[in-house]
């Protein structure tokens, strides 16, 4: 069984922040 989730947003021009992983 499976489900989908989506989070909309935009890409900023330079990285910011130290938490998370990947493209966060």
PDBML (XML) file of the C-alpha atoms, coordinates in Angstrom:
<?xml version="1.0" encoding="UTF-8" ?>
<PDBx:datablock datablockName="MODEL"
   xmlns:PDBx="http://pdbml.pdb.org/schema/pdbx-v50.xsd"
   xmlns:xsi="http://www.w3.org/2001/XMLSchema-instance"
   xsi:schemaLocation="http://pdbml.pdb.org/schema/pdbx-v50.xsd pdbx-v50.xsd">
   <PDBx:atom_siteCategory>
      <PDBx:atom_site id="1">
         <PDBx:B_iso_or_equiv>0.00</PDBx:B_iso_or_equiv>
         <PDBx:Cartn_x>0.000</PDBx:Cartn_x>
         <PDBx:Cartn_y>0.000</PDBx:Cartn_y>
         <PDBx:Cartn_z>0.000</PDBx:Cartn_z>
         <PDBx:auth_asym_id>A</PDBx:auth_asym_id>
         <PDBx:auth_atom_id>CA</PDBx:auth_atom_id>
         <PDBx:auth_comp_id>UNK</PDBx:auth_comp_id>
         <PDBx:auth_seq_id>1</PDBx:auth_seq_id>
         <PDBx:group_PDB>ATOM</PDBx:group_PDB>
         <PDBx:label_alt_id xsi:nil="true" />
         <PDBx:label_asym_id>A</PDBx:label_asym_id>
         <PDBx:label_atom_id>CA</PDBx:label_atom_id>
         <PDBx:label_comp_id>UNK</PDBx:label_comp_id>
         <PDBx:label_entity_id>1</PDBx:label_entity_id>
         <PDBx:label_seq_id>1</PDBx:label_seq_id>
         <PDBx:occupancy>1.00</PDBx:occupancy>
         <PDBx:pdbx_PDB_model_num>1</PDBx:pdbx_PDB_model_num>
         <PDBx:type_symbol>C</PDBx:type_symbol>
      </PDBx:atom_site>
      <PDBx:atom_site id="2">
         <PDBx:B_iso_or_equiv>0.00</PDBx:B_iso_or_equiv>
         <PDBx:Cartn_x>1.306</PDBx:Cartn_x>
         <PDBx:Cartn_y>3.446</PDBx:Cartn_y>
         <PDBx:Cartn_z>-0.804</PDBx:Cartn_z>
         <PDBx:auth_asym_id>A</PDBx:auth_asym_id>
         <PDBx:auth_atom_id>CA</PDBx:auth_atom_id>
         <PDBx:auth_comp_id>UNK</PDBx:auth_comp_id>
         <PDBx:auth_seq_id>2</PDBx:auth_seq_id>
         <PDBx:group_PDB>ATOM</PDBx:group_PDB>
         <PDBx:label_alt_id xsi:nil="true" />
         <PDBx:label_asym_id>A</PDBx:label_asym_id>
         <PDBx:label_atom_id>CA</PDBx:label_atom_id>
         <PDBx:label_comp_id>UNK</PDBx:label_comp_id>
         <PDBx:label_entity_id>1</PDBx:label_entity_id>
         <PDBx:label_seq_id>2</PDBx:label_seq_id>
         <PDBx:occupancy>1.00</PDBx:occupancy>
         <PDBx:pdbx_PDB_model_num>1</PDBx:pdbx_PDB_model_num>
         <PDBx:type_symbol>C</PDBx:type_symbol>
      </PDBx:atom_site>
      <PDBx:atom_site id="3">
         <PDBx:B_iso_or_equiv>0.00</PDBx:B_iso_or_equiv>
         <PDBx:Cartn_x>0.675</PDBx:Cartn_x>
         <PDBx:Cartn_y>7.171</PDBx:Cartn_y>
         <PDBx:Cartn_z>-0.396</PDBx:Cartn_z>
         <PDBx:auth_asym_id>A</PDBx:auth_asym_id>
         <PDBx:auth_atom_id>CA</PDBx:auth_atom_id>
         <PDBx:auth_comp_id>UNK</PDBx:auth_comp_id>
         <PDBx:auth_seq_id>3</PDBx:auth_seq_id>
         <PDBx:group_PDB>ATOM</PDBx:group_PDB>
         <PDBx:label_alt_id xsi:nil="true" />
         <PDBx:label_asym_id>A</PDBx:label_asym_id>
         <PDBx:label_atom_id>CA</PDBx:label_atom_id>
         <PDBx:label_comp_id>UNK</PDBx:label_comp_id>
         <PDBx:label_entity_id>1</PDBx:label_entity_id>
         <PDBx:label_seq_id>3</PDBx:label_seq_id>
         <PDBx:occupancy>1.00</PDBx:occupancy>
         <PDBx:pdbx_PDB_model_num>1</PDBx:pdbx_PDB_model_num>
         <PDBx:type_symbol>C</PDBx:type_symbol>
      </PDBx:atom_site>
      <PDBx:atom_site id="4">
         <PDBx:B_iso_or_equiv>0.00</PDBx:B_iso_or_equiv>
         <PDBx:Cartn_x>2.121</PDBx:Cartn_x>
         <PDBx:Cartn_y>10.410</PDBx:Cartn_y>
         <PDBx:Cartn_z>-1.816</PDBx:Cartn_z>
         <PDBx:auth_asym_id>A</PDBx:auth_asym_id>
         <PDBx:auth_atom_id>CA</PDBx:auth_atom_id>
         <PDBx:auth_comp_id>UNK</PDBx:auth_comp_id>
         <PDBx:auth_seq_id>4</PDBx:auth_seq_id>
         <PDBx:group_PDB>ATOM</PDBx:group_PDB>
         <PDBx:label_alt_id xsi:nil="true" />
         <PDBx:label_asym_id>A</PDBx:label_asym_id>
         <PDBx:label_atom_id>CA</PDBx:label_atom_id>
         <PDBx:label_comp_id>UNK</PDBx:label_comp_id>
         <PDBx:label_entity_id>1</PDBx:label_entity_id>
         <PDBx:label_seq_id>4</PDBx:label_seq_id>
         <PDBx:occupancy>1.00</PDBx:occupancy>
         <PDBx:pdbx_PDB_model_num>1</PDBx:pdbx_PDB_model_num>
         <PDBx:type_symbol>C</PDBx:type_symbol>
      </PDBx:atom_site>
      <PDBx:atom_site id="5">
         <PDBx:B_iso_or_equiv>0.00</PDBx:B_iso_or_equiv>
         <PDBx:Cartn_x>3.033</PDBx:Cartn_x>
         <PDBx:Cartn_y>13.717</PDBx:Cartn_y>
         <PDBx:Cartn_z>-0.176</PDBx:Cartn_z>
         <PDBx:auth_asym_id>A</PDBx:auth_asym_id>
         <PDBx:auth_atom_id>CA</PDBx:auth_atom_id>
         <PDBx:auth_comp_id>UNK</PDBx:auth_comp_id>
         <PDBx:auth_seq_id>5</PDBx:auth_seq_id>
         <PDBx:group_PDB>ATOM</PDBx:group_PDB>
         <PDBx:label_alt_id xsi:nil="true" />
         <PDBx:label_asym_id>A</PDBx:label_asym_id>
         <PDBx:label_atom_id>CA</PDBx:label_atom_id>
         <PDBx:label_comp_id>UNK</PDBx:label_comp_id>
         <PDBx:label_entity_id>1</PDBx:label_entity_id>
         <PDBx:label_seq_id>5</PDBx:label_seq_id>
         <PDBx:occupancy>1.00</PDBx:occupancy>
         <PDBx:pdbx_PDB_model_num>1</PDBx:pdbx_PDB_model_num>
         <PDBx:type_symbol>C</PDBx:type_symbol>
      </PDBx:atom_site>
      <PDBx:atom_site id="6">
         <PDBx:B_iso_or_equiv>0.00</PDBx:B_iso_or_equiv>
         <PDBx:Cartn_x>3.986</PDBx:Cartn_x>
         <PDBx:Cartn_y>17.000</PDBx:Cartn_y>
         <PDBx:Cartn_z>-1.871</PDBx:Cartn_z>
         <PDBx:auth_asym_id>A</PDBx:auth_asym_id>
         <PDBx:auth_atom_id>CA</PDBx:auth_atom_id>
         <PDBx:auth_comp_id>UNK</PDBx:auth_comp_id>
         <PDBx:auth_seq_id>6</PDBx:auth_seq_id>
         <PDBx:group_PDB>ATOM</PDBx:group_PDB>
         <PDBx:label_alt_id xsi:nil="true" />
         <PDBx:label_asym_id>A</PDBx:label_asym_id>
         <PDBx:label_atom_id>CA</PDBx:label_atom_id>
         <PDBx:label_comp_id>UNK</PDBx:label_comp_id>
         <PDBx:label_entity_id>1</PDBx:label_entity_id>
         <PDBx:label_seq_id>6</PDBx:label_seq_id>
         <PDBx:occupancy>1.00</PDBx:occupancy>
         <PDBx:pdbx_PDB_model_num>1</PDBx:pdbx_PDB_model_num>
         <PDBx:type_symbol>C</PDBx:type_symbol>
      </PDBx:atom_site>
      <PDBx:atom_site id="7">
         <PDBx:B_iso_or_equiv>0.00</PDBx:B_iso_or_equiv>
         <PDBx:Cartn_x>5.602</PDBx:Cartn_x>
         <PDBx:Cartn_y>20.167</PDBx:Cartn_y>
         <PDBx:Cartn_z>-0.519</PDBx:Cartn_z>
         <PDBx:auth_asym_id>A</PDBx:auth_asym_id>
         <PDBx:auth_atom_id>CA</PDBx:auth_atom_id>
         <PDBx:auth_comp_id>UNK</PDBx:auth_comp_id>
         <PDBx:auth_seq_id>7</PDBx:auth_seq_id>
         <PDBx:group_PDB>ATOM</PDBx:group_PDB>
         <PDBx:label_alt_id xsi:nil="true" />
         <PDBx:label_asym_id>A</PDBx:label_asym_id>
         <PDBx:label_atom_id>CA</PDBx:label_atom_id>
         <PDBx:label_comp_id>UNK</PDBx:label_comp_id>
         <PDBx:label_entity_id>1</PDBx:label_entity_id>
         <PDBx:label_seq_id>7</PDBx:label_seq_id>
         <PDBx:occupancy>1.00</PDBx:occupancy>
         <PDBx:pdbx_PDB_model_num>1</PDBx:pdbx_PDB_model_num>
         <PDBx:type_symbol>C</PDBx:type_symbol>
      </PDBx:atom_site>
      <PDBx:atom_site id="8">
         <PDBx:B_iso_or_equiv>0.00</PDBx:B_iso_or_equiv>
         <PDBx:Cartn_x>5.629</PDBx:Cartn_x>
         <PDBx:Cartn_y>23.207</PDBx:Cartn_y>
         <PDBx:Cartn_z>-2.835</PDBx:Cartn_z>
         <PDBx:auth_asym_id>A</PDBx:auth_asym_id>
         <PDBx:auth_atom_id>CA</PDBx:auth_atom_id>
         <PDBx:auth_comp_id>UNK</PDBx:auth_comp_id>
         <PDBx:auth_seq_id>8</PDBx:auth_seq_id>
         <PDBx:group_PDB>ATOM</PDBx:group_PDB>
         <PDBx:label_alt_id xsi:nil="true" />
         <PDBx:label_asym_id>A</PDBx:label_asym_id>
         <PDBx:label_atom_id>CA</PDBx:label_atom_id>
         <PDBx:label_comp_id>UNK</PDBx:label_comp_id>
         <PDBx:label_entity_id>1</PDBx:label_entity_id>
         <PDBx:label_seq_id>8</PDBx:label_seq_id>
         <PDBx:occupancy>1.00</PDBx:occupancy>
         <PDBx:pdbx_PDB_model_num>1</PDBx:pdbx_PDB_model_num>
         <PDBx:type_symbol>C</PDBx:type_symbol>
      </PDBx:atom_site>
      <PDBx:atom_site id="9">
         <PDBx:B_iso_or_equiv>0.00</PDBx:B_iso_or_equiv>
         <PDBx:Cartn_x>8.267</PDBx:Cartn_x>
         <PDBx:Cartn_y>25.923</PDBx:Cartn_y>
         <PDBx:Cartn_z>-2.689</PDBx:Cartn_z>
         <PDBx:auth_asym_id>A</PDBx:auth_asym_id>
         <PDBx:auth_atom_id>CA</PDBx:auth_atom_id>
         <PDBx:auth_comp_id>UNK</PDBx:auth_comp_id>
         <PDBx:auth_seq_id>9</PDBx:auth_seq_id>
         <PDBx:group_PDB>ATOM</PDBx:group_PDB>
         <PDBx:label_alt_id xsi:nil="true" />
         <PDBx:label_asym_id>A</PDBx:label_asym_id>
         <PDBx:label_atom_id>CA</PDBx:label_atom_id>
         <PDBx:label_comp_id>UNK</PDBx:label_comp_id>
         <PDBx:label_entity_id>1</PDBx:label_entity_id>
         <PDBx:label_seq_id>9</PDBx:label_seq_id>
         <PDBx:occupancy>1.00</PDBx:occupancy>
         <PDBx:pdbx_PDB_model_num>1</PDBx:pdbx_PDB_model_num>
         <PDBx:type_symbol>C</PDBx:type_symbol>
      </PDBx:atom_site>
      <PDBx:atom_site id="10">
         <PDBx:B_iso_or_equiv>0.00</PDBx:B_iso_or_equiv>
         <PDBx:Cartn_x>11.153</PDBx:Cartn_x>
         <PDBx:Cartn_y>27.497</PDBx:Cartn_y>
         <PDBx:Cartn_z>-4.586</PDBx:Cartn_z>
         <PDBx:auth_asym_id>A</PDBx:auth_asym_id>
         <PDBx:auth_atom_id>CA</PDBx:auth_atom_id>
         <PDBx:auth_comp_id>UNK</PDBx:auth_comp_id>
         <PDBx:auth_seq_id>10</PDBx:auth_seq_id>
         <PDBx:group_PDB>ATOM</PDBx:group_PDB>
         <PDBx:label_alt_id xsi:nil="true" />
         <PDBx:label_asym_id>A</PDBx:label_asym_id>
         <PDBx:label_atom_id>CA</PDBx:label_atom_id>
         <PDBx:label_comp_id>UNK</PDBx:label_comp_id>
         <PDBx:label_entity_id>1</PDBx:label_entity_id>
         <PDBx:label_seq_id>10</PDBx:label_seq_id>
         <PDBx:occupancy>1.00</PDBx:occupancy>
         <PDBx:pdbx_PDB_model_num>1</PDBx:pdbx_PDB_model_num>
         <PDBx:type_symbol>C</PDBx:type_symbol>
      </PDBx:atom_site>
      <PDBx:atom_site id="11">
         <PDBx:B_iso_or_equiv>0.00</PDBx:B_iso_or_equiv>
         <PDBx:Cartn_x>14.921</PDBx:Cartn_x>
         <PDBx:Cartn_y>27.233</PDBx:Cartn_y>
         <PDBx:Cartn_z>-4.956</PDBx:Cartn_z>
         <PDBx:auth_asym_id>A</PDBx:auth_asym_id>
         <PDBx:auth_atom_id>CA</PDBx:auth_atom_id>
         <PDBx:auth_comp_id>UNK</PDBx:auth_comp_id>
         <PDBx:auth_seq_id>11</PDBx:auth_seq_id>
         <PDBx:group_PDB>ATOM</PDBx:group_PDB>
         <PDBx:label_alt_id xsi:nil="true" />
         <PDBx:label_asym_id>A</PDBx:label_asym_id>
         <PDBx:label_atom_id>CA</PDBx:label_atom_id>
         <PDBx:label_comp_id>UNK</PDBx:label_comp_id>
         <PDBx:label_entity_id>1</PDBx:label_entity_id>
         <PDBx:label_seq_id>11</PDBx:label_seq_id>
         <PDBx:occupancy>1.00</PDBx:occupancy>
         <PDBx:pdbx_PDB_model_num>1</PDBx:pdbx_PDB_model_num>
         <PDBx:type_symbol>C</PDBx:type_symbol>
      </PDBx:atom_site>
      <PDBx:atom_site id="12">
         <PDBx:B_iso_or_equiv>0.00</PDBx:B_iso_or_equiv>
         <PDBx:Cartn_x>16.995</PDBx:Cartn_x>
         <PDBx:Cartn_y>30.069</PDBx:Cartn_y>
         <PDBx:Cartn_z>-3.524</PDBx:Cartn_z>
         <PDBx:auth_asym_id>A</PDBx:auth_asym_id>
         <PDBx:auth_atom_id>CA</PDBx:auth_atom_id>
         <PDBx:auth_comp_id>UNK</PDBx:auth_comp_id>
         <PDBx:auth_seq_id>12</PDBx:auth_seq_id>
         <PDBx:group_PDB>ATOM</PDBx:group_PDB>
         <PDBx:label_alt_id xsi:nil="true" />
         <PDBx:label_asym_id>A</PDBx:label_asym_id>
         <PDBx:label_atom_id>CA</PDBx:label_atom_id>
         <PDBx:label_comp_id>UNK</PDBx:label_comp_id>
         <PDBx:label_entity_id>1</PDBx:label_entity_id>
         <PDBx:label_seq_id>12</PDBx:label_seq_id>
         <PDBx:occupancy>1.00</PDBx:occupancy>
         <PDBx:pdbx_PDB_model_num>1</PDBx:pdbx_PDB_model_num>
         <PDBx:type_symbol>C</PDBx:type_symbol>
      </PDBx:atom_site>
      <PDBx:atom_site id="13">
         <PDBx:B_iso_or_equiv>0.00</PDBx:B_iso_or_equiv>
         <PDBx:Cartn_x>20.220</PDBx:Cartn_x>
         <PDBx:Cartn_y>31.232</PDBx:Cartn_y>
         <PDBx:Cartn_z>-5.159</PDBx:Cartn_z>
         <PDBx:auth_asym_id>A</PDBx:auth_asym_id>
         <PDBx:auth_atom_id>CA</PDBx:auth_atom_id>
         <PDBx:auth_comp_id>UNK</PDBx:auth_comp_id>
         <PDBx:auth_seq_id>13</PDBx:auth_seq_id>
         <PDBx:group_PDB>ATOM</PDBx:group_PDB>
         <PDBx:label_alt_id xsi:nil="true" />
         <PDBx:label_asym_id>A</PDBx:label_asym_id>
         <PDBx:label_atom_id>CA</PDBx:label_atom_id>
         <PDBx:label_comp_id>UNK</PDBx:label_comp_id>
         <PDBx:label_entity_id>1</PDBx:label_entity_id>
         <PDBx:label_seq_id>13</PDBx:label_seq_id>
         <PDBx:occupancy>1.00</PDBx:occupancy>
         <PDBx:pdbx_PDB_model_num>1</PDBx:pdbx_PDB_model_num>
         <PDBx:type_symbol>C</PDBx:type_symbol>
      </PDBx:atom_site>
      <PDBx:atom_site id="14">
         <PDBx:B_iso_or_equiv>0.00</PDBx:B_iso_or_equiv>
         <PDBx:Cartn_x>22.628</PDBx:Cartn_x>
         <PDBx:Cartn_y>30.067</PDBx:Cartn_y>
         <PDBx:Cartn_z>-2.474</PDBx:Cartn_z>
         <PDBx:auth_asym_id>A</PDBx:auth_asym_id>
         <PDBx:auth_atom_id>CA</PDBx:auth_atom_id>
         <PDBx:auth_comp_id>UNK</PDBx:auth_comp_id>
         <PDBx:auth_seq_id>14</PDBx:auth_seq_id>
         <PDBx:group_PDB>ATOM</PDBx:group_PDB>
         <PDBx:label_alt_id xsi:nil="true" />
         <PDBx:label_asym_id>A</PDBx:label_asym_id>
         <PDBx:label_atom_id>CA</PDBx:label_atom_id>
         <PDBx:label_comp_id>UNK</PDBx:label_comp_id>
         <PDBx:label_entity_id>1</PDBx:label_entity_id>
         <PDBx:label_seq_id>14</PDBx:label_seq_id>
         <PDBx:occupancy>1.00</PDBx:occupancy>
         <PDBx:pdbx_PDB_model_num>1</PDBx:pdbx_PDB_model_num>
         <PDBx:type_symbol>C</PDBx:type_symbol>
      </PDBx:atom_site>
      <PDBx:atom_site id="15">
         <PDBx:B_iso_or_equiv>0.00</PDBx:B_iso_or_equiv>
         <PDBx:Cartn_x>22.594</PDBx:Cartn_x>
         <PDBx:Cartn_y>27.450</PDBx:Cartn_y>
         <PDBx:Cartn_z>0.310</PDBx:Cartn_z>
         <PDBx:auth_asym_id>A</PDBx:auth_asym_id>
         <PDBx:auth_atom_id>CA</PDBx:auth_atom_id>
         <PDBx:auth_comp_id>UNK</PDBx:auth_comp_id>
         <PDBx:auth_seq_id>15</PDBx:auth_seq_id>
         <PDBx:group_PDB>ATOM</PDBx:group_PDB>
         <PDBx:label_alt_id xsi:nil="true" />
         <PDBx:label_asym_id>A</PDBx:label_asym_id>
         <PDBx:label_atom_id>CA</PDBx:label_atom_id>
         <PDBx:label_comp_id>UNK</PDBx:label_comp_id>
         <PDBx:label_entity_id>1</PDBx:label_entity_id>
         <PDBx:label_seq_id>15</PDBx:label_seq_id>
         <PDBx:occupancy>1.00</PDBx:occupancy>
         <PDBx:pdbx_PDB_model_num>1</PDBx:pdbx_PDB_model_num>
         <PDBx:type_symbol>C</PDBx:type_symbol>
      </PDBx:atom_site>
      <PDBx:atom_site id="16">
         <PDBx:B_iso_or_equiv>0.00</PDBx:B_iso_or_equiv>
         <PDBx:Cartn_x>21.557</PDBx:Cartn_x>
         <PDBx:Cartn_y>28.424</PDBx:Cartn_y>
         <PDBx:Cartn_z>3.837</PDBx:Cartn_z>
         <PDBx:auth_asym_id>A</PDBx:auth_asym_id>
         <PDBx:auth_atom_id>CA</PDBx:auth_atom_id>
         <PDBx:auth_comp_id>UNK</PDBx:auth_comp_id>
         <PDBx:auth_seq_id>16</PDBx:auth_seq_id>
         <PDBx:group_PDB>ATOM</PDBx:group_PDB>
         <PDBx:label_alt_id xsi:nil="true" />
         <PDBx:label_asym_id>A</PDBx:label_asym_id>
         <PDBx:label_atom_id>CA</PDBx:label_atom_id>
         <PDBx:label_comp_id>UNK</PDBx:label_comp_id>
         <PDBx:label_entity_id>1</PDBx:label_entity_id>
         <PDBx:label_seq_id>16</PDBx:label_seq_id>
         <PDBx:occupancy>1.00</PDBx:occupancy>
         <PDBx:pdbx_PDB_model_num>1</PDBx:pdbx_PDB_model_num>
         <PDBx:type_symbol>C</PDBx:type_symbol>
      </PDBx:atom_site>
      <PDBx:atom_site id="17">
         <PDBx:B_iso_or_equiv>0.00</PDBx:B_iso_or_equiv>
         <PDBx:Cartn_x>21.246</PDBx:Cartn_x>
         <PDBx:Cartn_y>26.412</PDBx:Cartn_y>
         <PDBx:Cartn_z>7.043</PDBx:Cartn_z>
         <PDBx:auth_asym_id>A</PDBx:auth_asym_id>
         <PDBx:auth_atom_id>CA</PDBx:auth_atom_id>
         <PDBx:auth_comp_id>UNK</PDBx:auth_comp_id>
         <PDBx:auth_seq_id>17</PDBx:auth_seq_id>
         <PDBx:group_PDB>ATOM</PDBx:group_PDB>
         <PDBx:label_alt_id xsi:nil="true" />
         <PDBx:label_asym_id>A</PDBx:label_asym_id>
         <PDBx:label_atom_id>CA</PDBx:label_atom_id>
         <PDBx:label_comp_id>UNK</PDBx:label_comp_id>
         <PDBx:label_entity_id>1</PDBx:label_entity_id>
         <PDBx:label_seq_id>17</PDBx:label_seq_id>
         <PDBx:occupancy>1.00</PDBx:occupancy>
         <PDBx:pdbx_PDB_model_num>1</PDBx:pdbx_PDB_model_num>
         <PDBx:type_symbol>C</PDBx:type_symbol>
      </PDBx:atom_site>
      <PDBx:atom_site id="18">
         <PDBx:B_iso_or_equiv>0.00</PDBx:B_iso_or_equiv>
         <PDBx:Cartn_x>22.963</PDBx:Cartn_x>
         <PDBx:Cartn_y>23.418</PDBx:Cartn_y>
         <PDBx:Cartn_z>8.606</PDBx:Cartn_z>
         <PDBx:auth_asym_id>A</PDBx:auth_asym_id>
         <PDBx:auth_atom_id>CA</PDBx:auth_atom_id>
         <PDBx:auth_comp_id>UNK</PDBx:auth_comp_id>
         <PDBx:auth_seq_id>18</PDBx:auth_seq_id>
         <PDBx:group_PDB>ATOM</PDBx:group_PDB>
         <PDBx:label_alt_id xsi:nil="true" />
         <PDBx:label_asym_id>A</PDBx:label_asym_id>
         <PDBx:label_atom_id>CA</PDBx:label_atom_id>
         <PDBx:label_comp_id>UNK</PDBx:label_comp_id>
         <PDBx:label_entity_id>1</PDBx:label_entity_id>
         <PDBx:label_seq_id>18</PDBx:label_seq_id>
         <PDBx:occupancy>1.00</PDBx:occupancy>
         <PDBx:pdbx_PDB_model_num>1</PDBx:pdbx_PDB_model_num>
         <PDBx:type_symbol>C</PDBx:type_symbol>
      </PDBx:atom_site>
      <PDBx:atom_site id="19">
         <PDBx:B_iso_or_equiv>0.00</PDBx:B_iso_or_equiv>
         <PDBx:Cartn_x>20.041</PDBx:Cartn_x>
         <PDBx:Cartn_y>21.089</PDBx:Cartn_y>
         <PDBx:Cartn_z>9.350</PDBx:Cartn_z>
         <PDBx:auth_asym_id>A</PDBx:auth_asym_id>
         <PDBx:auth_atom_id>CA</PDBx:auth_atom_id>
         <PDBx:auth_comp_id>UNK</PDBx:auth_comp_id>
         <PDBx:auth_seq_id>19</PDBx:auth_seq_id>
         <PDBx:group_PDB>ATOM</PDBx:group_PDB>
         <PDBx:label_alt_id xsi:nil="true" />
         <PDBx:label_asym_id>A</PDBx:label_asym_id>
         <PDBx:label_atom_id>CA</PDBx:label_atom_id>
         <PDBx:label_comp_id>UNK</PDBx:label_comp_id>
         <PDBx:label_entity_id>1</PDBx:label_entity_id>
         <PDBx:label_seq_id>19</PDBx:label_seq_id>
         <PDBx:occupancy>1.00</PDBx:occupancy>
         <PDBx:pdbx_PDB_model_num>1</PDBx:pdbx_PDB_model_num>
         <PDBx:type_symbol>C</PDBx:type_symbol>
      </PDBx:atom_site>
      <PDBx:atom_site id="20">
         <PDBx:B_iso_or_equiv>0.00</PDBx:B_iso_or_equiv>
         <PDBx:Cartn_x>18.491</PDBx:Cartn_x>
         <PDBx:Cartn_y>18.396</PDBx:Cartn_y>
         <PDBx:Cartn_z>7.177</PDBx:Cartn_z>
         <PDBx:auth_asym_id>A</PDBx:auth_asym_id>
         <PDBx:auth_atom_id>CA</PDBx:auth_atom_id>
         <PDBx:auth_comp_id>UNK</PDBx:auth_comp_id>
         <PDBx:auth_seq_id>20</PDBx:auth_seq_id>
         <PDBx:group_PDB>ATOM</PDBx:group_PDB>
         <PDBx:label_alt_id xsi:nil="true" />
         <PDBx:label_asym_id>A</PDBx:label_asym_id>
         <PDBx:label_atom_id>CA</PDBx:label_atom_id>
         <PDBx:label_comp_id>UNK</PDBx:label_comp_id>
         <PDBx:label_entity_id>1</PDBx:label_entity_id>
         <PDBx:label_seq_id>20</PDBx:label_seq_id>
         <PDBx:occupancy>1.00</PDBx:occupancy>
         <PDBx:pdbx_PDB_model_num>1</PDBx:pdbx_PDB_model_num>
         <PDBx:type_symbol>C</PDBx:type_symbol>
      </PDBx:atom_site>
      <PDBx:atom_site id="21">
         <PDBx:B_iso_or_equiv>0.00</PDBx:B_iso_or_equiv>
         <PDBx:Cartn_x>20.106</PDBx:Cartn_x>
         <PDBx:Cartn_y>16.656</PDBx:Cartn_y>
         <PDBx:Cartn_z>4.208</PDBx:Cartn_z>
         <PDBx:auth_asym_id>A</PDBx:auth_asym_id>
         <PDBx:auth_atom_id>CA</PDBx:auth_atom_id>
         <PDBx:auth_comp_id>UNK</PDBx:auth_comp_id>
         <PDBx:auth_seq_id>21</PDBx:auth_seq_id>
         <PDBx:group_PDB>ATOM</PDBx:group_PDB>
         <PDBx:label_alt_id xsi:nil="true" />
         <PDBx:label_asym_id>A</PDBx:label_asym_id>
         <PDBx:label_atom_id>CA</PDBx:label_atom_id>
         <PDBx:label_comp_id>UNK</PDBx:label_comp_id>
         <PDBx:label_entity_id>1</PDBx:label_entity_id>
         <PDBx:label_seq_id>21</PDBx:label_seq_id>
         <PDBx:occupancy>1.00</PDBx:occupancy>
         <PDBx:pdbx_PDB_model_num>1</PDBx:pdbx_PDB_model_num>
         <PDBx:type_symbol>C</PDBx:type_symbol>
      </PDBx:atom_site>
      <PDBx:atom_site id="22">
         <PDBx:B_iso_or_equiv>0.00</PDBx:B_iso_or_equiv>
         <PDBx:Cartn_x>19.987</PDBx:Cartn_x>
         <PDBx:Cartn_y>16.512</PDBx:Cartn_y>
         <PDBx:Cartn_z>0.419</PDBx:Cartn_z>
         <PDBx:auth_asym_id>A</PDBx:auth_asym_id>
         <PDBx:auth_atom_id>CA</PDBx:auth_atom_id>
         <PDBx:auth_comp_id>UNK</PDBx:auth_comp_id>
         <PDBx:auth_seq_id>22</PDBx:auth_seq_id>
         <PDBx:group_PDB>ATOM</PDBx:group_PDB>
         <PDBx:label_alt_id xsi:nil="true" />
         <PDBx:label_asym_id>A</PDBx:label_asym_id>
         <PDBx:label_atom_id>CA</PDBx:label_atom_id>
         <PDBx:label_comp_id>UNK</PDBx:label_comp_id>
         <PDBx:label_entity_id>1</PDBx:label_entity_id>
         <PDBx:label_seq_id>22</PDBx:label_seq_id>
         <PDBx:occupancy>1.00</PDBx:occupancy>
         <PDBx:pdbx_PDB_model_num>1</PDBx:pdbx_PDB_model_num>
         <PDBx:type_symbol>C</PDBx:type_symbol>
      </PDBx:atom_site>
      <PDBx:atom_site id="23">
         <PDBx:B_iso_or_equiv>0.00</PDBx:B_iso_or_equiv>
         <PDBx:Cartn_x>18.694</PDBx:Cartn_x>
         <PDBx:Cartn_y>19.677</PDBx:Cartn_y>
         <PDBx:Cartn_z>-1.219</PDBx:Cartn_z>
         <PDBx:auth_asym_id>A</PDBx:auth_asym_id>
         <PDBx:auth_atom_id>CA</PDBx:auth_atom_id>
         <PDBx:auth_comp_id>UNK</PDBx:auth_comp_id>
         <PDBx:auth_seq_id>23</PDBx:auth_seq_id>
         <PDBx:group_PDB>ATOM</PDBx:group_PDB>
         <PDBx:label_alt_id xsi:nil="true" />
         <PDBx:label_asym_id>A</PDBx:label_asym_id>
         <PDBx:label_atom_id>CA</PDBx:label_atom_id>
         <PDBx:label_comp_id>UNK</PDBx:label_comp_id>
         <PDBx:label_entity_id>1</PDBx:label_entity_id>
         <PDBx:label_seq_id>23</PDBx:label_seq_id>
         <PDBx:occupancy>1.00</PDBx:occupancy>
         <PDBx:pdbx_PDB_model_num>1</PDBx:pdbx_PDB_model_num>
         <PDBx:type_symbol>C</PDBx:type_symbol>
      </PDBx:atom_site>
      <PDBx:atom_site id="24">
         <PDBx:B_iso_or_equiv>0.00</PDBx:B_iso_or_equiv>
         <PDBx:Cartn_x>17.296</PDBx:Cartn_x>
         <PDBx:Cartn_y>21.103</PDBx:Cartn_y>
         <PDBx:Cartn_z>2.058</PDBx:Cartn_z>
         <PDBx:auth_asym_id>A</PDBx:auth_asym_id>
         <PDBx:auth_atom_id>CA</PDBx:auth_atom_id>
         <PDBx:auth_comp_id>UNK</PDBx:auth_comp_id>
         <PDBx:auth_seq_id>24</PDBx:auth_seq_id>
         <PDBx:group_PDB>ATOM</PDBx:group_PDB>
         <PDBx:label_alt_id xsi:nil="true" />
         <PDBx:label_asym_id>A</PDBx:label_asym_id>
         <PDBx:label_atom_id>CA</PDBx:label_atom_id>
         <PDBx:label_comp_id>UNK</PDBx:label_comp_id>
         <PDBx:label_entity_id>1</PDBx:label_entity_id>
         <PDBx:label_seq_id>24</PDBx:label_seq_id>
         <PDBx:occupancy>1.00</PDBx:occupancy>
         <PDBx:pdbx_PDB_model_num>1</PDBx:pdbx_PDB_model_num>
         <PDBx:type_symbol>C</PDBx:type_symbol>
      </PDBx:atom_site>
   </PDBx:atom_siteCategory>
</PDBx:datablock>
